[in-house]
Amino acid sequence: MPFEESAARTNTLQERLLDTQDKGLLLAGCPLLVGLARPFLEELVRAADVVTAYKGQTLMEEGESCPHIMQVVRGRLEVRVESISPNMEIAINKVAPGEIVGETLLFDDGPRHVTVVASEPAVLLQIPAALLRELCDREPEVARLLYRNAAGILAARLRRSNQRLVTHLRRLTY
């Protein structure tokens, strides 16, 4: 069976498995959207797309634009940055089900600063970043909530990165 046909069949199956109710439950538990009022969640559910990724598929490329924030439903992703050596990347984070990537799009729609690759077959919910920014512009309470949640996510990532860096530096000095 050709890959395109297989991928199309998988997408149809995943979309059936993730109906509107499923998407609503998943988005309600998304760390970025926790506490969001039901009418706004429903608006996001209508706009969110279910996508599948095969192992090794690049979902977000460093230096490129990406219009979506992605929540992992199934599978795992790897976040990479370009190494000092040409054509080499370093894995800096793993993203598990329930976690998101691309949350900086709330603040900045410039080029991505990381590459995100599916480290195994994955199912994702893509949330249009433009819609989230529009909600923030339109609804100050939504903006307050989303910015607070995003700050918490980014602070936790920074804390983990700092801990890994300190651990690495300690190994180098002993």
N, C-alpha and C. Protein backbone atom coordinates (compact mmCIF):
# COMPACT_ATOMS: atom_id res chain seq x y z
N MET A 1 0.86 -1.18 0.00
CA MET A 1 0.00 0.00 0.00
C MET A 1 0.90 1.24 0.00
N PRO A 2 0.70 2.19 -0.90
CA PRO A 2 1.51 3.40 -0.94
C PRO A 2 1.39 4.17 0.37
N PHE A 3 2.49 4.89 0.73
CA PHE A 3 2.51 5.64 1.99
C PHE A 3 1.37 6.65 2.06
N GLU A 4 1.13 7.39 0.97
CA GLU A 4 0.10 8.43 1.00
C GLU A 4 -1.27 7.84 1.33
N GLU A 5 -1.56 6.68 0.72
CA GLU A 5 -2.85 6.01 0.99
C GLU A 5 -2.92 5.56 2.45
N SER A 6 -1.82 5.02 2.94
CA SER A 6 -1.76 4.57 4.34
C SER A 6 -1.93 5.75 5.29
N ALA A 7 -1.24 6.87 5.00
CA ALA A 7 -1.33 8.06 5.84
C ALA A 7 -2.75 8.63 5.82
N ALA A 8 -3.37 8.66 4.64
CA ALA A 8 -4.74 9.17 4.53
C ALA A 8 -5.70 8.30 5.33
N ARG A 9 -5.53 6.99 5.25
CA ARG A 9 -6.39 6.08 6.00
C ARG A 9 -6.18 6.29 7.50
N THR A 10 -4.92 6.48 7.93
CA THR A 10 -4.62 6.71 9.34
C THR A 10 -5.24 8.02 9.80
N ASN A 11 -5.12 9.08 8.99
CA ASN A 11 -5.72 10.37 9.36
C ASN A 11 -7.23 10.23 9.54
N THR A 12 -7.90 9.55 8.64
CA THR A 12 -9.35 9.37 8.74
C THR A 12 -9.69 8.62 10.02
N LEU A 13 -8.95 7.57 10.31
CA LEU A 13 -9.18 6.80 11.52
C LEU A 13 -8.96 7.66 12.76
N GLN A 14 -7.88 8.42 12.80
CA GLN A 14 -7.58 9.26 13.96
C GLN A 14 -8.68 10.31 14.14
N GLU A 15 -9.13 10.90 13.03
CA GLU A 15 -10.18 11.91 13.14
C GLU A 15 -11.47 11.31 13.69
N ARG A 16 -11.78 10.07 13.30
CA ARG A 16 -12.96 9.42 13.85
C ARG A 16 -12.77 9.13 15.33
N LEU A 17 -11.55 8.74 15.71
CA LEU A 17 -11.28 8.44 17.12
C LEU A 17 -11.34 9.69 17.98
N LEU A 18 -10.99 10.83 17.39
CA LEU A 18 -11.00 12.08 18.13
C LEU A 18 -12.14 12.94 17.63
N ASP A 19 -13.32 12.70 18.13
CA ASP A 19 -14.45 13.51 17.72
C ASP A 19 -14.44 14.83 18.50
N THR A 20 -15.44 15.63 18.30
CA THR A 20 -15.50 16.95 18.94
C THR A 20 -15.44 16.85 20.44
N GLN A 21 -16.13 15.89 21.02
CA GLN A 21 -16.12 15.73 22.47
C GLN A 21 -14.71 15.39 22.97
N ASP A 22 -14.02 14.47 22.26
CA ASP A 22 -12.66 14.11 22.63
C ASP A 22 -11.73 15.32 22.55
N LYS A 23 -11.86 16.07 21.45
CA LYS A 23 -11.01 17.25 21.30
C LYS A 23 -11.26 18.24 22.44
N GLY A 24 -12.51 18.40 22.81
CA GLY A 24 -12.84 19.31 23.91
C GLY A 24 -12.21 18.87 25.22
N LEU A 25 -12.28 17.57 25.51
CA LEU A 25 -11.68 17.06 26.75
C LEU A 25 -10.17 17.22 26.72
N LEU A 26 -9.56 16.93 25.59
CA LEU A 26 -8.10 17.06 25.48
C LEU A 26 -7.68 18.51 25.62
N LEU A 27 -8.38 19.42 24.93
CA LEU A 27 -8.01 20.83 25.02
C LEU A 27 -8.25 21.39 26.42
N ALA A 28 -9.29 20.93 27.09
CA ALA A 28 -9.56 21.41 28.45
C ALA A 28 -8.42 21.02 29.40
N GLY A 29 -7.73 19.91 29.11
CA GLY A 29 -6.62 19.49 29.94
C GLY A 29 -5.26 19.98 29.46
N CYS A 30 -5.25 20.70 28.35
CA CYS A 30 -4.01 21.23 27.80
C CYS A 30 -3.43 22.25 28.78
N PRO A 31 -2.15 22.14 29.13
CA PRO A 31 -1.56 23.05 30.13
C PRO A 31 -1.74 24.54 29.78
N LEU A 32 -1.72 24.86 28.52
CA LEU A 32 -1.89 26.26 28.12
C LEU A 32 -3.31 26.74 28.32
N LEU A 33 -4.28 25.82 28.21
CA LEU A 33 -5.70 26.21 28.20
C LEU A 33 -6.44 25.91 29.50
N VAL A 34 -5.74 25.39 30.50
CA VAL A 34 -6.39 25.05 31.77
C VAL A 34 -7.08 26.29 32.34
N GLY A 35 -8.36 26.13 32.67
CA GLY A 35 -9.12 27.23 33.25
C GLY A 35 -9.87 28.08 32.24
N LEU A 36 -9.70 27.80 30.96
CA LEU A 36 -10.37 28.58 29.92
C LEU A 36 -11.87 28.29 29.94
N ALA A 37 -12.67 29.34 29.86
CA ALA A 37 -14.14 29.20 29.89
C ALA A 37 -14.63 28.39 28.69
N ARG A 38 -15.72 27.68 28.90
CA ARG A 38 -16.28 26.77 27.91
C ARG A 38 -16.52 27.39 26.53
N PRO A 39 -17.11 28.59 26.44
CA PRO A 39 -17.35 29.15 25.09
C PRO A 39 -16.05 29.32 24.29
N PHE A 40 -14.96 29.69 24.96
CA PHE A 40 -13.69 29.87 24.26
C PHE A 40 -13.08 28.52 23.90
N LEU A 41 -13.23 27.54 24.79
CA LEU A 41 -12.76 26.18 24.47
C LEU A 41 -13.50 25.65 23.25
N GLU A 42 -14.81 25.87 23.20
CA GLU A 42 -15.60 25.39 22.06
C GLU A 42 -15.14 26.02 20.76
N GLU A 43 -14.78 27.30 20.82
CA GLU A 43 -14.27 27.98 19.63
C GLU A 43 -12.95 27.33 19.17
N LEU A 44 -12.10 26.98 20.12
CA LEU A 44 -10.83 26.33 19.79
C LEU A 44 -11.04 24.91 19.28
N VAL A 45 -12.02 24.20 19.84
CA VAL A 45 -12.32 22.84 19.38
C VAL A 45 -12.70 22.86 17.91
N ARG A 46 -13.52 23.82 17.52
CA ARG A 46 -13.94 23.92 16.11
C ARG A 46 -12.75 24.19 15.19
N ALA A 47 -11.75 24.91 15.69
CA ALA A 47 -10.61 25.29 14.85
C ALA A 47 -9.45 24.29 14.90
N ALA A 48 -9.41 23.46 15.93
CA ALA A 48 -8.28 22.52 16.10
C ALA A 48 -8.37 21.39 15.08
N ASP A 49 -7.23 21.02 14.55
CA ASP A 49 -7.15 19.91 13.60
C ASP A 49 -6.40 18.74 14.24
N VAL A 50 -6.85 17.54 13.95
CA VAL A 50 -6.16 16.33 14.37
C VAL A 50 -5.19 15.97 13.25
N VAL A 51 -3.92 15.79 13.59
CA VAL A 51 -2.93 15.40 12.59
C VAL A 51 -2.13 14.22 13.12
N THR A 52 -1.63 13.43 12.20
CA THR A 52 -0.77 12.32 12.58
C THR A 52 0.63 12.59 12.03
N ALA A 53 1.61 12.05 12.71
CA ALA A 53 3.00 12.21 12.28
C ALA A 53 3.68 10.85 12.34
N TYR A 54 4.49 10.56 11.37
CA TYR A 54 5.24 9.31 11.38
C TYR A 54 6.57 9.53 12.10
N LYS A 55 7.18 8.46 12.55
CA LYS A 55 8.46 8.55 13.24
C LYS A 55 9.48 9.23 12.32
N GLY A 56 10.14 10.25 12.86
CA GLY A 56 11.14 10.98 12.10
C GLY A 56 10.61 12.18 11.35
N GLN A 57 9.30 12.37 11.33
CA GLN A 57 8.71 13.50 10.60
C GLN A 57 9.00 14.81 11.33
N THR A 58 9.46 15.81 10.58
CA THR A 58 9.71 17.14 11.14
C THR A 58 8.39 17.90 11.16
N LEU A 59 8.02 18.39 12.33
CA LEU A 59 6.76 19.11 12.51
C LEU A 59 6.96 20.61 12.58
N MET A 60 8.14 21.02 12.99
CA MET A 60 8.47 22.43 13.14
C MET A 60 9.97 22.54 12.86
N GLU A 61 10.35 23.46 12.02
CA GLU A 61 11.75 23.58 11.60
C GLU A 61 12.35 24.88 12.15
N GLU A 62 13.52 24.76 12.76
CA GLU A 62 14.24 25.93 13.27
C GLU A 62 14.44 26.93 12.13
N GLY A 63 14.11 28.20 12.39
CA GLY A 63 14.27 29.24 11.38
C GLY A 63 13.07 29.44 10.47
N GLU A 64 12.12 28.52 10.52
CA GLU A 64 10.92 28.60 9.67
C GLU A 64 9.74 29.11 10.50
N SER A 65 8.67 29.52 9.81
CA SER A 65 7.46 29.90 10.54
C SER A 65 6.59 28.66 10.75
N CYS A 66 5.79 28.71 11.77
CA CYS A 66 4.85 27.62 12.05
C CYS A 66 3.61 28.26 12.68
N PRO A 67 2.46 28.13 12.06
CA PRO A 67 1.28 28.86 12.54
C PRO A 67 0.49 28.16 13.64
N HIS A 68 1.00 27.02 14.16
CA HIS A 68 0.21 26.24 15.11
C HIS A 68 0.95 25.98 16.41
N ILE A 69 0.16 25.90 17.45
CA ILE A 69 0.61 25.33 18.72
C ILE A 69 0.11 23.89 18.67
N MET A 70 0.96 22.95 19.07
CA MET A 70 0.59 21.55 18.96
C MET A 70 0.55 20.88 20.33
N GLN A 71 -0.54 20.16 20.59
CA GLN A 71 -0.67 19.36 21.80
C GLN A 71 -0.50 17.90 21.40
N VAL A 72 0.36 17.19 22.11
CA VAL A 72 0.58 15.77 21.82
C VAL A 72 -0.55 14.97 22.45
N VAL A 73 -1.23 14.17 21.64
CA VAL A 73 -2.30 13.29 22.11
C VAL A 73 -1.72 11.90 22.36
N ARG A 74 -1.00 11.39 21.37
CA ARG A 74 -0.33 10.09 21.48
C ARG A 74 1.05 10.22 20.86
N GLY A 75 1.98 9.40 21.35
CA GLY A 75 3.33 9.41 20.81
C GLY A 75 4.21 10.40 21.56
N ARG A 76 5.39 10.62 21.03
CA ARG A 76 6.35 11.53 21.65
C ARG A 76 7.06 12.34 20.57
N LEU A 77 7.45 13.53 20.97
CA LEU A 77 8.20 14.41 20.08
C LEU A 77 9.56 14.70 20.71
N GLU A 78 10.49 15.11 19.87
CA GLU A 78 11.80 15.52 20.35
C GLU A 78 12.06 16.94 19.86
N VAL A 79 12.55 17.78 20.77
CA VAL A 79 12.87 19.16 20.45
C VAL A 79 14.38 19.24 20.27
N ARG A 80 14.81 19.82 19.14
CA ARG A 80 16.23 19.87 18.80
C ARG A 80 16.64 21.29 18.44
N VAL A 81 17.93 21.56 18.66
CA VAL A 81 18.53 22.81 18.21
C VAL A 81 19.76 22.47 17.38
N GLU A 82 20.11 23.38 16.49
CA GLU A 82 21.28 23.16 15.65
C GLU A 82 22.54 23.21 16.50
N SER A 83 23.43 22.30 16.25
CA SER A 83 24.70 22.22 16.97
C SER A 83 25.69 23.22 16.39
N ILE A 84 26.81 23.36 17.05
CA ILE A 84 27.89 24.20 16.53
C ILE A 84 28.43 23.58 15.25
N SER A 85 28.45 22.25 15.20
CA SER A 85 28.90 21.55 13.99
C SER A 85 27.83 21.65 12.93
N PRO A 86 28.22 21.87 11.69
CA PRO A 86 27.21 21.96 10.62
C PRO A 86 26.41 20.67 10.46
N ASN A 87 25.16 20.81 10.15
CA ASN A 87 24.25 19.69 9.87
C ASN A 87 24.09 18.72 11.03
N MET A 88 24.30 19.19 12.24
CA MET A 88 24.08 18.35 13.42
C MET A 88 23.08 19.05 14.34
N GLU A 89 22.25 18.27 14.97
CA GLU A 89 21.29 18.82 15.92
C GLU A 89 21.45 18.13 17.26
N ILE A 90 21.11 18.85 18.31
CA ILE A 90 21.18 18.32 19.67
C ILE A 90 19.76 18.28 20.23
N ALA A 91 19.38 17.13 20.78
CA ALA A 91 18.07 17.01 21.42
C ALA A 91 18.11 17.73 22.75
N ILE A 92 17.19 18.66 22.97
CA ILE A 92 17.18 19.41 24.23
C ILE A 92 15.95 19.13 25.08
N ASN A 93 14.95 18.47 24.50
CA ASN A 93 13.74 18.21 25.27
C ASN A 93 12.94 17.10 24.60
N LYS A 94 12.16 16.40 25.40
CA LYS A 94 11.22 15.40 24.90
C LYS A 94 9.82 15.88 25.29
N VAL A 95 8.86 15.66 24.41
CA VAL A 95 7.49 16.12 24.64
C VAL A 95 6.59 14.89 24.65
N ALA A 96 5.87 14.71 25.75
CA ALA A 96 5.04 13.53 25.98
C ALA A 96 3.56 13.88 25.78
N PRO A 97 2.70 12.86 25.73
CA PRO A 97 1.26 13.12 25.62
C PRO A 97 0.77 14.08 26.71
N GLY A 98 -0.08 15.02 26.28
CA GLY A 98 -0.62 16.03 27.18
C GLY A 98 0.19 17.32 27.17
N GLU A 99 1.42 17.26 26.68
CA GLU A 99 2.27 18.46 26.64
C GLU A 99 2.12 19.16 25.30
N ILE A 100 2.65 20.39 25.23
CA ILE A 100 2.52 21.19 24.01
C ILE A 100 3.87 21.70 23.54
N VAL A 101 3.91 22.07 22.27
CA VAL A 101 5.04 22.79 21.70
C VAL A 101 4.49 23.97 20.91
N GLY A 102 5.30 25.02 20.83
CA GLY A 102 4.91 26.19 20.05
C GLY A 102 4.21 27.27 20.84
N GLU A 103 4.19 27.15 22.17
CA GLU A 103 3.46 28.13 22.98
C GLU A 103 4.04 29.54 22.89
N THR A 104 5.31 29.68 22.46
CA THR A 104 5.88 31.02 22.31
C THR A 104 5.17 31.81 21.20
N LEU A 105 4.39 31.11 20.35
CA LEU A 105 3.62 31.80 19.32
C LEU A 105 2.60 32.77 19.91
N LEU A 106 2.26 32.60 21.17
CA LEU A 106 1.37 33.57 21.82
C LEU A 106 2.03 34.95 21.88
N PHE A 107 3.35 34.96 22.01
CA PHE A 107 4.08 36.21 22.21
C PHE A 107 4.78 36.70 20.96
N ASP A 108 5.13 35.76 20.07
CA ASP A 108 6.00 36.09 18.95
C ASP A 108 5.71 35.14 17.80
N ASP A 109 5.34 35.68 16.65
CA ASP A 109 5.07 34.80 15.51
C ASP A 109 6.25 34.77 14.55
N GLY A 110 7.43 35.10 15.05
CA GLY A 110 8.65 35.04 14.24
C GLY A 110 9.07 33.60 13.98
N PRO A 111 10.22 33.44 13.34
CA PRO A 111 10.72 32.10 13.03
C PRO A 111 10.94 31.28 14.29
N ARG A 112 10.73 29.99 14.19
CA ARG A 112 10.91 29.08 15.32
C ARG A 112 12.38 28.98 15.68
N HIS A 113 12.65 28.82 16.95
CA HIS A 113 14.03 28.73 17.43
C HIS A 113 14.45 27.29 17.70
N VAL A 114 13.58 26.33 17.41
CA VAL A 114 13.88 24.91 17.58
C VAL A 114 13.28 24.12 16.42
N THR A 115 13.75 22.88 16.29
CA THR A 115 13.16 21.92 15.37
C THR A 115 12.44 20.88 16.21
N VAL A 116 11.25 20.49 15.81
CA VAL A 116 10.48 19.48 16.53
C VAL A 116 10.24 18.31 15.58
N VAL A 117 10.61 17.11 16.05
CA VAL A 117 10.52 15.89 15.24
C VAL A 117 9.76 14.84 16.03
N ALA A 118 8.92 14.07 15.35
CA ALA A 118 8.23 12.96 16.00
C ALA A 118 9.26 11.85 16.25
N SER A 119 9.46 11.50 17.52
CA SER A 119 10.42 10.44 17.84
C SER A 119 9.77 9.06 17.76
N GLU A 120 8.46 9.06 17.58
CA GLU A 120 7.68 7.84 17.34
C GLU A 120 6.39 8.29 16.67
N PRO A 121 5.62 7.37 16.09
CA PRO A 121 4.35 7.81 15.49
C PRO A 121 3.53 8.59 16.52
N ALA A 122 2.92 9.68 16.06
CA ALA A 122 2.23 10.57 16.99
C ALA A 122 0.90 11.06 16.43
N VAL A 123 0.00 11.40 17.34
CA VAL A 123 -1.26 12.07 17.02
C VAL A 123 -1.22 13.39 17.77
N LEU A 124 -1.55 14.47 17.06
CA LEU A 124 -1.46 15.81 17.63
C LEU A 124 -2.74 16.58 17.37
N LEU A 125 -3.00 17.54 18.25
CA LEU A 125 -4.03 18.54 17.99
C LEU A 125 -3.30 19.82 17.63
N GLN A 126 -3.59 20.37 16.46
CA GLN A 126 -3.00 21.64 16.05
C GLN A 126 -4.00 22.75 16.35
N ILE A 127 -3.53 23.72 17.10
CA ILE A 127 -4.37 24.86 17.47
C ILE A 127 -3.81 26.09 16.75
N PRO A 128 -4.62 26.77 15.95
CA PRO A 128 -4.11 27.95 15.24
C PRO A 128 -3.69 29.04 16.22
N ALA A 129 -2.42 29.44 16.17
CA ALA A 129 -1.91 30.47 17.07
C ALA A 129 -2.61 31.81 16.83
N ALA A 130 -2.95 32.07 15.56
CA ALA A 130 -3.63 33.34 15.24
C ALA A 130 -4.96 33.45 15.98
N LEU A 131 -5.67 32.34 16.11
CA LEU A 131 -6.94 32.35 16.83
C LEU A 131 -6.71 32.63 18.32
N LEU A 132 -5.68 32.03 18.90
CA LEU A 132 -5.37 32.30 20.31
C LEU A 132 -5.02 33.77 20.52
N ARG A 133 -4.22 34.33 19.61
CA ARG A 133 -3.86 35.76 19.73
C ARG A 133 -5.09 36.63 19.55
N GLU A 134 -5.99 36.25 18.63
CA GLU A 134 -7.23 37.01 18.43
C GLU A 134 -8.09 36.97 19.70
N LEU A 135 -8.20 35.80 20.32
CA LEU A 135 -8.95 35.69 21.58
C LEU A 135 -8.33 36.58 22.65
N CYS A 136 -7.02 36.62 22.72
CA CYS A 136 -6.33 37.46 23.70
C CYS A 136 -6.63 38.94 23.46
N ASP A 137 -6.63 39.34 22.18
CA ASP A 137 -6.93 40.74 21.84
C ASP A 137 -8.37 41.10 22.17
N ARG A 138 -9.26 40.15 21.96
CA ARG A 138 -10.70 40.38 22.12
C ARG A 138 -11.16 40.27 23.57
N GLU A 139 -10.53 39.38 24.33
CA GLU A 139 -11.00 39.05 25.69
C GLU A 139 -9.85 39.18 26.69
N PRO A 140 -9.79 40.27 27.43
CA PRO A 140 -8.69 40.48 28.38
C PRO A 140 -8.53 39.36 29.41
N GLU A 141 -9.63 38.76 29.84
CA GLU A 141 -9.53 37.66 30.82
C GLU A 141 -8.89 36.42 30.20
N VAL A 142 -9.17 36.18 28.93
CA VAL A 142 -8.55 35.07 28.22
C VAL A 142 -7.05 35.34 28.11
N ALA A 143 -6.70 36.57 27.76
CA ALA A 143 -5.28 36.93 27.64
C ALA A 143 -4.56 36.71 28.97
N ARG A 144 -5.17 37.16 30.05
CA ARG A 144 -4.54 37.01 31.37
C ARG A 144 -4.30 35.54 31.68
N LEU A 145 -5.29 34.71 31.43
CA LEU A 145 -5.18 33.29 31.71
C LEU A 145 -4.13 32.60 30.83
N LEU A 146 -4.19 32.85 29.52
CA LEU A 146 -3.25 32.21 28.60
C LEU A 146 -1.82 32.66 28.87
N TYR A 147 -1.61 33.95 29.13
CA TYR A 147 -0.25 34.43 29.41
C TYR A 147 0.27 33.86 30.71
N ARG A 148 -0.59 33.76 31.72
CA ARG A 148 -0.16 33.16 33.00
C ARG A 148 0.20 31.69 32.80
N ASN A 149 -0.64 30.94 32.09
CA ASN A 149 -0.35 29.53 31.84
C ASN A 149 0.93 29.36 31.02
N ALA A 150 1.09 30.18 29.98
CA ALA A 150 2.30 30.10 29.15
C ALA A 150 3.54 30.43 29.97
N ALA A 151 3.44 31.43 30.83
CA ALA A 151 4.59 31.79 31.68
C ALA A 151 4.96 30.62 32.59
N GLY A 152 3.97 29.93 33.13
CA GLY A 152 4.24 28.76 33.97
C GLY A 152 4.93 27.64 33.20
N ILE A 153 4.47 27.39 31.98
CA ILE A 153 5.07 26.35 31.13
C ILE A 153 6.51 26.72 30.81
N LEU A 154 6.73 27.97 30.40
CA LEU A 154 8.07 28.41 30.03
C LEU A 154 9.01 28.42 31.24
N ALA A 155 8.50 28.82 32.40
CA ALA A 155 9.33 28.82 33.61
C ALA A 155 9.75 27.40 33.99
N ALA A 156 8.83 26.45 33.88
CA ALA A 156 9.16 25.05 34.20
C ALA A 156 10.20 24.52 33.22
N ARG A 157 10.08 24.86 31.95
CA ARG A 157 11.07 24.41 30.96
C ARG A 157 12.43 25.03 31.23
N LEU A 158 12.45 26.30 31.56
CA LEU A 158 13.71 26.98 31.88
C LEU A 158 14.36 26.35 33.12
N ARG A 159 13.56 26.06 34.12
CA ARG A 159 14.08 25.42 35.34
C ARG A 159 14.71 24.06 35.01
N ARG A 160 14.01 23.24 34.21
CA ARG A 160 14.57 21.94 33.81
C ARG A 160 15.84 22.09 33.00
N SER A 161 15.86 23.07 32.09
CA SER A 161 17.06 23.30 31.28
C SER A 161 18.23 23.72 32.16
N ASN A 162 17.96 24.60 33.10
CA ASN A 162 19.02 25.03 34.02
C ASN A 162 19.55 23.86 34.85
N GLN A 163 18.64 23.01 35.32
CA GLN A 163 19.07 21.84 36.10
C GLN A 163 19.94 20.91 35.27
N ARG A 164 19.56 20.68 34.02
CA ARG A 164 20.37 19.82 33.14
C ARG A 164 21.72 20.45 32.88
N LEU A 165 21.76 21.77 32.67
CA LEU A 165 23.01 22.46 32.42
C LEU A 165 23.94 22.36 33.64
N VAL A 166 23.41 22.59 34.82
CA VAL A 166 24.21 22.50 36.04
C VAL A 166 24.74 21.08 36.22
N THR A 167 23.90 20.08 36.00
CA THR A 167 24.33 18.68 36.10
C THR A 167 25.47 18.41 35.13
N HIS A 168 25.33 18.87 33.90
CA HIS A 168 26.35 18.67 32.88
C HIS A 168 27.65 19.37 33.28
N LEU A 169 27.56 20.61 33.75
CA LEU A 169 28.76 21.35 34.14
C LEU A 169 29.47 20.69 35.33
N ARG A 170 28.69 20.15 36.26
CA ARG A 170 29.30 19.46 37.41
C ARG A 170 30.07 18.23 36.95
N ARG A 171 29.52 17.51 35.98
CA ARG A 171 30.23 16.34 35.45
C ARG A 171 31.55 16.74 34.81
N LEU A 172 31.56 17.87 34.14
CA LEU A 172 32.77 18.33 33.47
C LEU A 172 33.86 18.74 34.45
N THR A 173 33.46 19.24 35.61
CA THR A 173 34.45 19.73 36.58
C THR A 173 34.98 18.64 37.50
N TYR A 174 34.38 17.46 37.50
CA TYR A 174 34.86 16.37 38.39
C TYR A 174 35.55 15.30 37.65
